[in-house]
Full PDB file with SEQRES, HELIX, SHEET, SSBOND, CRYST1, ORIGX, SCALE, CONECT and MASTER records, all heavy atoms in Angstrom:
SEQRES   1 A   33  GLU THR ASN GLN ARG ASN SER THR PRO TYR PRO ASN ILE          
SEQRES   2 A   33  PRO PRO ILE LEU GLU SER HIS ASP SER GLU TYR ARG ASP          
SEQRES   3 A   33  ALA GLY ILE THR SER SER VAL                                  
HELIX    1 AA1 ASP A   21  ARG A   25  1                                   5    
CRYST1    1.000    1.000    1.000  90.00  90.00  90.00 P 1           1          
ORIGX1      1.000000  0.000000  0.000000        0.00000                         
ORIGX2      0.000000  1.000000  0.000000        0.00000                         
ORIGX3      0.000000  0.000000  1.000000        0.00000                         
SCALE1      1.000000  0.000000  0.000000        0.00000                         
SCALE2      0.000000  1.000000  0.000000        0.00000                         
SCALE3      0.000000  0.000000  1.000000        0.00000                         
ATOM      1  N   GLU A   1      33.678 -26.784  -4.373  1.00  0.00           N  
ATOM      2  CA  GLU A   1      35.087 -26.480  -4.201  1.00  0.00           C  
ATOM      3  C   GLU A   1      35.632 -27.106  -2.930  1.00  0.00           C  
ATOM      4  O   GLU A   1      34.981 -27.133  -1.903  1.00  0.00           O  
ATOM      5  CB  GLU A   1      35.279 -24.970  -4.127  1.00  0.00           C  
ATOM      6  CG  GLU A   1      34.990 -24.275  -5.440  1.00  0.00           C  
ATOM      7  CD  GLU A   1      35.262 -22.788  -5.323  1.00  0.00           C  
ATOM      8  OE1 GLU A   1      36.127 -22.395  -4.542  1.00  0.00           O  
ATOM      9  OE2 GLU A   1      34.575 -22.047  -6.022  1.00  0.00           O  
ATOM     10  N   THR A   2      36.857 -27.583  -3.028  1.00  0.00           N  
ATOM     11  CA  THR A   2      37.581 -28.072  -1.857  1.00  0.00           C  
ATOM     12  C   THR A   2      39.006 -27.591  -1.957  1.00  0.00           C  
ATOM     13  O   THR A   2      39.493 -27.265  -3.039  1.00  0.00           O  
ATOM     14  CB  THR A   2      37.564 -29.613  -1.770  1.00  0.00           C  
ATOM     15  OG1 THR A   2      38.164 -30.135  -2.943  1.00  0.00           O  
ATOM     16  CG2 THR A   2      36.156 -30.150  -1.622  1.00  0.00           C  
ATOM     17  N   ASN A   3      39.688 -27.536  -0.834  1.00  0.00           N  
ATOM     18  CA  ASN A   3      41.092 -27.151  -0.903  1.00  0.00           C  
ATOM     19  C   ASN A   3      41.949 -28.407  -0.970  1.00  0.00           C  
ATOM     20  O   ASN A   3      41.452 -29.518  -0.870  1.00  0.00           O  
ATOM     21  CB  ASN A   3      41.466 -26.258   0.292  1.00  0.00           C  
ATOM     22  CG  ASN A   3      41.254 -26.948   1.619  1.00  0.00           C  
ATOM     23  OD1 ASN A   3      41.490 -28.142   1.742  1.00  0.00           O  
ATOM     24  ND2 ASN A   3      40.811 -26.192   2.621  1.00  0.00           N  
ATOM     25  N   GLN A   4      43.265 -28.231  -1.136  1.00  0.00           N  
ATOM     26  CA  GLN A   4      44.139 -29.382  -1.317  1.00  0.00           C  
ATOM     27  C   GLN A   4      44.263 -30.220  -0.055  1.00  0.00           C  
ATOM     28  O   GLN A   4      44.454 -31.417  -0.122  1.00  0.00           O  
ATOM     29  CB  GLN A   4      45.513 -28.923  -1.780  1.00  0.00           C  
ATOM     30  CG  GLN A   4      45.482 -28.379  -3.191  1.00  0.00           C  
ATOM     31  CD  GLN A   4      46.847 -27.871  -3.614  1.00  0.00           C  
ATOM     32  OE1 GLN A   4      47.670 -27.538  -2.769  1.00  0.00           O  
ATOM     33  NE2 GLN A   4      47.073 -27.822  -4.904  1.00  0.00           N  
ATOM     34  N   ARG A   5      44.195 -29.627   1.102  1.00  0.00           N  
ATOM     35  CA  ARG A   5      44.370 -30.373   2.345  1.00  0.00           C  
ATOM     36  C   ARG A   5      43.147 -31.218   2.679  1.00  0.00           C  
ATOM     37  O   ARG A   5      43.241 -32.230   3.317  1.00  0.00           O  
ATOM     38  CB  ARG A   5      44.635 -29.411   3.503  1.00  0.00           C  
ATOM     39  CG  ARG A   5      45.989 -28.790   3.424  1.00  0.00           C  
ATOM     40  CD  ARG A   5      46.275 -27.888   4.591  1.00  0.00           C  
ATOM     41  NE  ARG A   5      45.365 -28.132   5.693  1.00  0.00           N  
ATOM     42  CZ  ARG A   5      45.086 -27.233   6.613  1.00  0.00           C  
ATOM     43  NH1 ARG A   5      45.625 -26.049   6.568  1.00  0.00           N  
ATOM     44  NH2 ARG A   5      44.265 -27.504   7.593  1.00  0.00           N  
ATOM     45  N   ASN A   6      41.994 -30.781   2.292  1.00  0.00           N  
ATOM     46  CA  ASN A   6      40.764 -31.498   2.634  1.00  0.00           C  
ATOM     47  C   ASN A   6      40.042 -31.814   1.334  1.00  0.00           C  
ATOM     48  O   ASN A   6      39.462 -30.932   0.728  1.00  0.00           O  
ATOM     49  CB  ASN A   6      39.889 -30.634   3.545  1.00  0.00           C  
ATOM     50  CG  ASN A   6      38.648 -31.351   3.989  1.00  0.00           C  
ATOM     51  OD1 ASN A   6      38.415 -32.498   3.617  1.00  0.00           O  
ATOM     52  ND2 ASN A   6      37.846 -30.679   4.785  1.00  0.00           N  
ATOM     53  N   SER A   7      40.056 -33.072   0.932  1.00  0.00           N  
ATOM     54  CA  SER A   7      39.442 -33.425  -0.345  1.00  0.00           C  
ATOM     55  C   SER A   7      38.022 -33.945  -0.203  1.00  0.00           C  
ATOM     56  O   SER A   7      37.442 -34.419  -1.148  1.00  0.00           O  
ATOM     57  CB  SER A   7      40.306 -34.473  -1.053  1.00  0.00           C  
ATOM     58  OG  SER A   7      40.367 -35.642  -0.271  1.00  0.00           O  
ATOM     59  N   THR A   8      37.440 -33.858   1.004  1.00  0.00           N  
ATOM     60  CA  THR A   8      36.059 -34.282   1.165  1.00  0.00           C  
ATOM     61  C   THR A   8      35.142 -33.265   0.495  1.00  0.00           C  
ATOM     62  O   THR A   8      35.497 -32.104   0.354  1.00  0.00           O  
ATOM     63  CB  THR A   8      35.671 -34.395   2.658  1.00  0.00           C  
ATOM     64  OG1 THR A   8      35.789 -33.113   3.249  1.00  0.00           O  
ATOM     65  CG2 THR A   8      36.541 -35.405   3.368  1.00  0.00           C  
ATOM     66  N   PRO A   9      33.977 -33.684   0.065  1.00  0.00           N  
ATOM     67  CA  PRO A   9      33.081 -32.739  -0.601  1.00  0.00           C  
ATOM     68  C   PRO A   9      32.437 -31.738   0.353  1.00  0.00           C  
ATOM     69  O   PRO A   9      31.688 -30.889  -0.086  1.00  0.00           O  
ATOM     70  CB  PRO A   9      32.031 -33.651  -1.246  1.00  0.00           C  
ATOM     71  CG  PRO A   9      32.113 -34.930  -0.529  1.00  0.00           C  
ATOM     72  CD  PRO A   9      33.492 -35.039   0.028  1.00  0.00           C  
ATOM     73  N   TYR A  10      32.693 -31.833   1.642  1.00  0.00           N  
ATOM     74  CA  TYR A  10      32.084 -30.941   2.632  1.00  0.00           C  
ATOM     75  C   TYR A  10      33.184 -30.293   3.467  1.00  0.00           C  
ATOM     76  O   TYR A  10      33.438 -30.700   4.591  1.00  0.00           O  
ATOM     77  CB  TYR A  10      31.121 -31.700   3.532  1.00  0.00           C  
ATOM     78  CG  TYR A  10      30.089 -32.445   2.736  1.00  0.00           C  
ATOM     79  CD1 TYR A  10      30.194 -33.815   2.543  1.00  0.00           C  
ATOM     80  CD2 TYR A  10      29.029 -31.780   2.156  1.00  0.00           C  
ATOM     81  CE1 TYR A  10      29.260 -34.500   1.795  1.00  0.00           C  
ATOM     82  CE2 TYR A  10      28.089 -32.452   1.404  1.00  0.00           C  
ATOM     83  CZ  TYR A  10      28.211 -33.809   1.232  1.00  0.00           C  
ATOM     84  OH  TYR A  10      27.284 -34.481   0.491  1.00  0.00           O  
ATOM     85  N   PRO A  11      33.845 -29.249   2.952  1.00  0.00           N  
ATOM     86  CA  PRO A  11      34.995 -28.696   3.660  1.00  0.00           C  
ATOM     87  C   PRO A  11      34.644 -27.881   4.901  1.00  0.00           C  
ATOM     88  O   PRO A  11      35.494 -27.671   5.747  1.00  0.00           O  
ATOM     89  CB  PRO A  11      35.644 -27.808   2.600  1.00  0.00           C  
ATOM     90  CG  PRO A  11      34.533 -27.430   1.687  1.00  0.00           C  
ATOM     91  CD  PRO A  11      33.608 -28.616   1.677  1.00  0.00           C  
ATOM     92  N   ASN A  12      33.421 -27.410   5.043  1.00  0.00           N  
ATOM     93  CA  ASN A  12      33.063 -26.538   6.158  1.00  0.00           C  
ATOM     94  C   ASN A  12      32.165 -27.242   7.166  1.00  0.00           C  
ATOM     95  O   ASN A  12      31.137 -26.727   7.576  1.00  0.00           O  
ATOM     96  CB  ASN A  12      32.371 -25.281   5.637  1.00  0.00           C  
ATOM     97  CG  ASN A  12      33.285 -24.489   4.737  1.00  0.00           C  
ATOM     98  OD1 ASN A  12      34.467 -24.364   5.029  1.00  0.00           O  
ATOM     99  ND2 ASN A  12      32.753 -23.990   3.645  1.00  0.00           N  
ATOM    100  N   ILE A  13      32.548 -28.429   7.583  1.00  0.00           N  
ATOM    101  CA  ILE A  13      31.765 -29.206   8.531  1.00  0.00           C  
ATOM    102  C   ILE A  13      31.942 -28.613   9.927  1.00  0.00           C  
ATOM    103  O   ILE A  13      33.070 -28.345  10.342  1.00  0.00           O  
ATOM    104  CB  ILE A  13      32.207 -30.676   8.515  1.00  0.00           C  
ATOM    105  CG1 ILE A  13      31.952 -31.264   7.135  1.00  0.00           C  
ATOM    106  CG2 ILE A  13      31.499 -31.479   9.591  1.00  0.00           C  
ATOM    107  CD1 ILE A  13      32.563 -32.622   6.935  1.00  0.00           C  
ATOM    108  N   PRO A  14      30.854 -28.395  10.659  1.00  0.00           N  
ATOM    109  CA  PRO A  14      30.998 -27.899  12.029  1.00  0.00           C  
ATOM    110  C   PRO A  14      31.834 -28.864  12.860  1.00  0.00           C  
ATOM    111  O   PRO A  14      31.842 -30.066  12.609  1.00  0.00           O  
ATOM    112  CB  PRO A  14      29.549 -27.851  12.548  1.00  0.00           C  
ATOM    113  CG  PRO A  14      28.697 -27.884  11.332  1.00  0.00           C  
ATOM    114  CD  PRO A  14      29.476 -28.586  10.269  1.00  0.00           C  
ATOM    115  N   PRO A  15      32.531 -28.366  13.874  1.00  0.00           N  
ATOM    116  CA  PRO A  15      33.426 -29.210  14.664  1.00  0.00           C  
ATOM    117  C   PRO A  15      32.752 -30.416  15.321  1.00  0.00           C  
ATOM    118  O   PRO A  15      33.398 -31.411  15.586  1.00  0.00           O  
ATOM    119  CB  PRO A  15      33.960 -28.267  15.739  1.00  0.00           C  
ATOM    120  CG  PRO A  15      33.667 -26.901  15.264  1.00  0.00           C  
ATOM    121  CD  PRO A  15      32.539 -26.987  14.282  1.00  0.00           C  
ATOM    122  N   ILE A  16      31.454 -30.359  15.594  1.00  0.00           N  
ATOM    123  CA  ILE A  16      30.789 -31.472  16.261  1.00  0.00           C  
ATOM    124  C   ILE A  16      30.712 -32.707  15.360  1.00  0.00           C  
ATOM    125  O   ILE A  16      30.604 -33.825  15.834  1.00  0.00           O  
ATOM    126  CB  ILE A  16      29.387 -31.060  16.764  1.00  0.00           C  
ATOM    127  CG1 ILE A  16      28.887 -32.053  17.780  1.00  0.00           C  
ATOM    128  CG2 ILE A  16      28.422 -30.905  15.614  1.00  0.00           C  
ATOM    129  CD1 ILE A  16      27.709 -31.582  18.565  1.00  0.00           C  
ATOM    130  N   LEU A  17      30.782 -32.506  14.052  1.00  0.00           N  
ATOM    131  CA  LEU A  17      30.724 -33.622  13.114  1.00  0.00           C  
ATOM    132  C   LEU A  17      32.076 -33.775  12.437  1.00  0.00           C  
ATOM    133  O   LEU A  17      32.422 -33.012  11.546  1.00  0.00           O  
ATOM    134  CB  LEU A  17      29.649 -33.385  12.051  1.00  0.00           C  
ATOM    135  CG  LEU A  17      28.227 -33.327  12.576  1.00  0.00           C  
ATOM    136  CD1 LEU A  17      27.285 -32.989  11.453  1.00  0.00           C  
ATOM    137  CD2 LEU A  17      27.838 -34.627  13.217  1.00  0.00           C  
ATOM    138  N   GLU A  18      32.815 -34.769  12.890  1.00  0.00           N  
ATOM    139  CA  GLU A  18      34.121 -34.981  12.279  1.00  0.00           C  
ATOM    140  C   GLU A  18      33.976 -35.688  10.944  1.00  0.00           C  
ATOM    141  O   GLU A  18      33.004 -36.373  10.698  1.00  0.00           O  
ATOM    142  CB  GLU A  18      35.032 -35.779  13.213  1.00  0.00           C  
ATOM    143  CG  GLU A  18      34.582 -37.215  13.453  1.00  0.00           C  
ATOM    144  CD  GLU A  18      33.521 -37.386  14.505  1.00  0.00           C  
ATOM    145  OE1 GLU A  18      33.834 -37.335  15.683  1.00  0.00           O  
ATOM    146  OE2 GLU A  18      32.347 -37.592  14.135  1.00  0.00           O  
ATOM    147  N   SER A  19      34.954 -35.468  10.092  1.00  0.00           N  
ATOM    148  CA  SER A  19      34.944 -36.080   8.780  1.00  0.00           C  
ATOM    149  C   SER A  19      36.312 -36.677   8.523  1.00  0.00           C  
ATOM    150  O   SER A  19      37.326 -36.071   8.853  1.00  0.00           O  
ATOM    151  CB  SER A  19      34.618 -35.020   7.735  1.00  0.00           C  
ATOM    152  OG  SER A  19      34.594 -35.584   6.463  1.00  0.00           O  
ATOM    153  N   HIS A  20      36.357 -37.849   7.948  1.00  0.00           N  
ATOM    154  CA  HIS A  20      37.604 -38.524   7.647  1.00  0.00           C  
ATOM    155  C   HIS A  20      37.649 -38.795   6.149  1.00  0.00           C  
ATOM    156  O   HIS A  20      36.808 -39.514   5.613  1.00  0.00           O  
ATOM    157  CB  HIS A  20      37.703 -39.836   8.440  1.00  0.00           C  
ATOM    158  CG  HIS A  20      37.610 -39.609   9.916  1.00  0.00           C  
ATOM    159  ND1 HIS A  20      38.664 -39.137  10.655  1.00  0.00           N  
ATOM    160  CD2 HIS A  20      36.586 -39.761  10.784  1.00  0.00           C  
ATOM    161  CE1 HIS A  20      38.297 -39.016  11.923  1.00  0.00           C  
ATOM    162  NE2 HIS A  20      37.030 -39.382  12.028  1.00  0.00           N  
ATOM    163  N   ASP A  21      38.641 -38.211   5.499  1.00  0.00           N  
ATOM    164  CA  ASP A  21      38.766 -38.369   4.047  1.00  0.00           C  
ATOM    165  C   ASP A  21      38.731 -39.827   3.618  1.00  0.00           C  
ATOM    166  O   ASP A  21      38.134 -40.160   2.602  1.00  0.00           O  
ATOM    167  CB  ASP A  21      40.075 -37.745   3.557  1.00  0.00           C  
ATOM    168  CG  ASP A  21      40.014 -36.229   3.519  1.00  0.00           C  
ATOM    169  OD1 ASP A  21      38.907 -35.680   3.657  1.00  0.00           O  
ATOM    170  OD2 ASP A  21      41.071 -35.612   3.337  1.00  0.00           O  
ATOM    171  N   SER A  22      39.354 -40.698   4.384  1.00  0.00           N  
ATOM    172  CA  SER A  22      39.422 -42.111   3.996  1.00  0.00           C  
ATOM    173  C   SER A  22      38.034 -42.736   3.895  1.00  0.00           C  
ATOM    174  O   SER A  22      37.821 -43.649   3.101  1.00  0.00           O  
ATOM    175  CB  SER A  22      40.272 -42.891   4.994  1.00  0.00           C  
ATOM    176  OG  SER A  22      39.663 -42.875   6.273  1.00  0.00           O  
ATOM    177  N   GLU A  23      37.075 -42.249   4.665  1.00  0.00           N  
ATOM    178  CA  GLU A  23      35.727 -42.811   4.630  1.00  0.00           C  
ATOM    179  C   GLU A  23      34.989 -42.460   3.346  1.00  0.00           C  
ATOM    180  O   GLU A  23      34.039 -43.126   2.979  1.00  0.00           O  
ATOM    181  CB  GLU A  23      34.936 -42.379   5.862  1.00  0.00           C  
ATOM    182  CG  GLU A  23      35.484 -43.027   7.117  1.00  0.00           C  
ATOM    183  CD  GLU A  23      34.822 -42.547   8.386  1.00  0.00           C  
ATOM    184  OE1 GLU A  23      33.868 -41.748   8.315  1.00  0.00           O  
ATOM    185  OE2 GLU A  23      35.271 -42.971   9.457  1.00  0.00           O  
ATOM    186  N   TYR A  24      35.434 -41.397   2.662  1.00  0.00           N  
ATOM    187  CA  TYR A  24      34.812 -41.059   1.394  1.00  0.00           C  
ATOM    188  C   TYR A  24      35.292 -41.980   0.282  1.00  0.00           C  
ATOM    189  O   TYR A  24      34.688 -42.081  -0.758  1.00  0.00           O  
ATOM    190  CB  TYR A  24      35.103 -39.604   1.012  1.00  0.00           C  
ATOM    191  CG  TYR A  24      34.291 -38.650   1.838  1.00  0.00           C  
ATOM    192  CD1 TYR A  24      34.850 -38.002   2.924  1.00  0.00           C  
ATOM    193  CD2 TYR A  24      32.960 -38.417   1.544  1.00  0.00           C  
ATOM    194  CE1 TYR A  24      34.112 -37.133   3.691  1.00  0.00           C  
ATOM    195  CE2 TYR A  24      32.205 -37.557   2.305  1.00  0.00           C  
ATOM    196  CZ  TYR A  24      32.785 -36.915   3.377  1.00  0.00           C  
ATOM    197  OH  TYR A  24      32.036 -36.077   4.135  1.00  0.00           O  
ATOM    198  N   ARG A  25      36.413 -42.648   0.524  1.00  0.00           N  
ATOM    199  CA  ARG A  25      36.993 -43.486  -0.510  1.00  0.00           C  
ATOM    200  C   ARG A  25      36.816 -44.973  -0.249  1.00  0.00           C  
ATOM    201  O   ARG A  25      37.028 -45.774  -1.128  1.00  0.00           O  
ATOM    202  CB  ARG A  25      38.481 -43.174  -0.634  1.00  0.00           C  
ATOM    203  CG  ARG A  25      38.726 -41.797  -1.182  1.00  0.00           C  
ATOM    204  CD  ARG A  25      40.206 -41.549  -1.381  1.00  0.00           C  
ATOM    205  NE  ARG A  25      40.452 -40.136  -1.553  1.00  0.00           N  
ATOM    206  CZ  ARG A  25      40.699 -39.289  -0.570  1.00  0.00           C  
ATOM    207  NH1 ARG A  25      40.749 -39.715   0.668  1.00  0.00           N  
ATOM    208  NH2 ARG A  25      40.900 -38.023  -0.812  1.00  0.00           N  
ATOM    209  N   ASP A  26      36.490 -45.345   0.979  1.00  0.00           N  
ATOM    210  CA  ASP A  26      36.360 -46.779   1.244  1.00  0.00           C  
ATOM    211  C   ASP A  26      34.987 -47.292   0.834  1.00  0.00           C  
ATOM    212  O   ASP A  26      34.114 -46.531   0.448  1.00  0.00           O  
ATOM    213  CB  ASP A  26      36.700 -47.124   2.700  1.00  0.00           C  
ATOM    214  CG  ASP A  26      35.645 -46.715   3.714  1.00  0.00           C  
ATOM    215  OD1 ASP A  26      34.507 -46.390   3.325  1.00  0.00           O  
ATOM    216  OD2 ASP A  26      35.945 -46.718   4.920  1.00  0.00           O  
ATOM    217  N   ALA A  27      34.834 -48.603   0.884  1.00  0.00           N  
ATOM    218  CA  ALA A  27      33.601 -49.230   0.402  1.00  0.00           C  
ATOM    219  C   ALA A  27      32.503 -49.242   1.452  1.00  0.00           C  
ATOM    220  O   ALA A  27      31.424 -49.740   1.198  1.00  0.00           O  
ATOM    221  CB  ALA A  27      33.893 -50.657  -0.046  1.00  0.00           C  
ATOM    222  N   GLY A  28      32.761 -48.719   2.627  1.00  0.00           N  
ATOM    223  CA  GLY A  28      31.763 -48.708   3.687  1.00  0.00           C  
ATOM    224  C   GLY A  28      31.961 -49.852   4.644  1.00  0.00           C  
ATOM    225  O   GLY A  28      32.890 -50.644   4.516  1.00  0.00           O  
ATOM    226  N   ILE A  29      31.090 -49.925   5.620  1.00  0.00           N  
ATOM    227  CA  ILE A  29      31.178 -50.955   6.643  1.00  0.00           C  
ATOM    228  C   ILE A  29      29.788 -51.538   6.864  1.00  0.00           C  
ATOM    229  O   ILE A  29      28.805 -50.807   6.890  1.00  0.00           O  
ATOM    230  CB  ILE A  29      31.784 -50.381   7.941  1.00  0.00           C  
ATOM    231  CG1 ILE A  29      32.095 -51.473   8.920  1.00  0.00           C  
ATOM    232  CG2 ILE A  29      30.929 -49.309   8.533  1.00  0.00           C  
ATOM    233  CD1 ILE A  29      33.032 -51.034  10.018  1.00  0.00           C  
ATOM    234  N   THR A  30      29.710 -52.846   6.974  1.00  0.00           N  
ATOM    235  CA  THR A  30      28.403 -53.488   7.089  1.00  0.00           C  
ATOM    236  C   THR A  30      27.767 -53.226   8.441  1.00  0.00           C  
ATOM    237  O   THR A  30      28.440 -53.008   9.435  1.00  0.00           O  
ATOM    238  CB  THR A  30      28.524 -55.015   6.889  1.00  0.00           C  
ATOM    239  OG1 THR A  30      29.399 -55.528   7.877  1.00  0.00           O  
ATOM    240  CG2 THR A  30      29.015 -55.356   5.514  1.00  0.00           C  
ATOM    241  N   SER A  31      26.469 -53.283   8.448  1.00  0.00           N  
ATOM    242  CA  SER A  31      25.711 -53.233   9.693  1.00  0.00           C  
ATOM    243  C   SER A  31      25.813 -54.597  10.353  1.00  0.00           C  
ATOM    244  O   SER A  31      25.962 -55.621   9.690  1.00  0.00           O  
ATOM    245  CB  SER A  31      24.249 -52.912   9.379  1.00  0.00           C  
ATOM    246  OG  SER A  31      23.453 -53.055  10.522  1.00  0.00           O  
ATOM    247  N   SER A  32      25.723 -54.627  11.672  1.00  0.00           N  
ATOM    248  CA  SER A  32      25.795 -55.912  12.375  1.00  0.00           C  
ATOM    249  C   SER A  32      24.463 -56.653  12.341  1.00  0.00           C  
ATOM    250  O   SER A  32      24.408 -57.838  12.634  1.00  0.00           O  
ATOM    251  CB  SER A  32      26.253 -55.699  13.817  1.00  0.00           C  
ATOM    252  OG  SER A  32      25.311 -54.923  14.518  1.00  0.00           O  
ATOM    253  N   VAL A  33      23.391 -55.966  11.980  1.00  0.00           N  
ATOM    254  CA  VAL A  33      22.072 -56.591  11.903  1.00  0.00           C  
ATOM    255  C   VAL A  33      21.512 -56.321  10.514  1.00  0.00           C  
ATOM    256  O   VAL A  33      21.039 -55.224  10.224  1.00  0.00           O  
ATOM    257  CB  VAL A  33      21.111 -56.029  12.972  1.00  0.00           C  
ATOM    258  CG1 VAL A  33      19.788 -56.760  12.936  1.00  0.00           C  
ATOM    259  CG2 VAL A  33      21.723 -56.099  14.366  1.00  0.00           C  
TER     260      VAL A  33                                                      
MASTER        0    0    0    1    0    0    0    6  259    1    0    3          
END                                                                             
């Protein structure tokens, strides 16, 4: 379950670990090595 404001699959993330909805939808980012 998620609410309408937060569509990430992990709605109860502790404050030390931020979550950005856009990162769940993007294709990722390459490693430099």
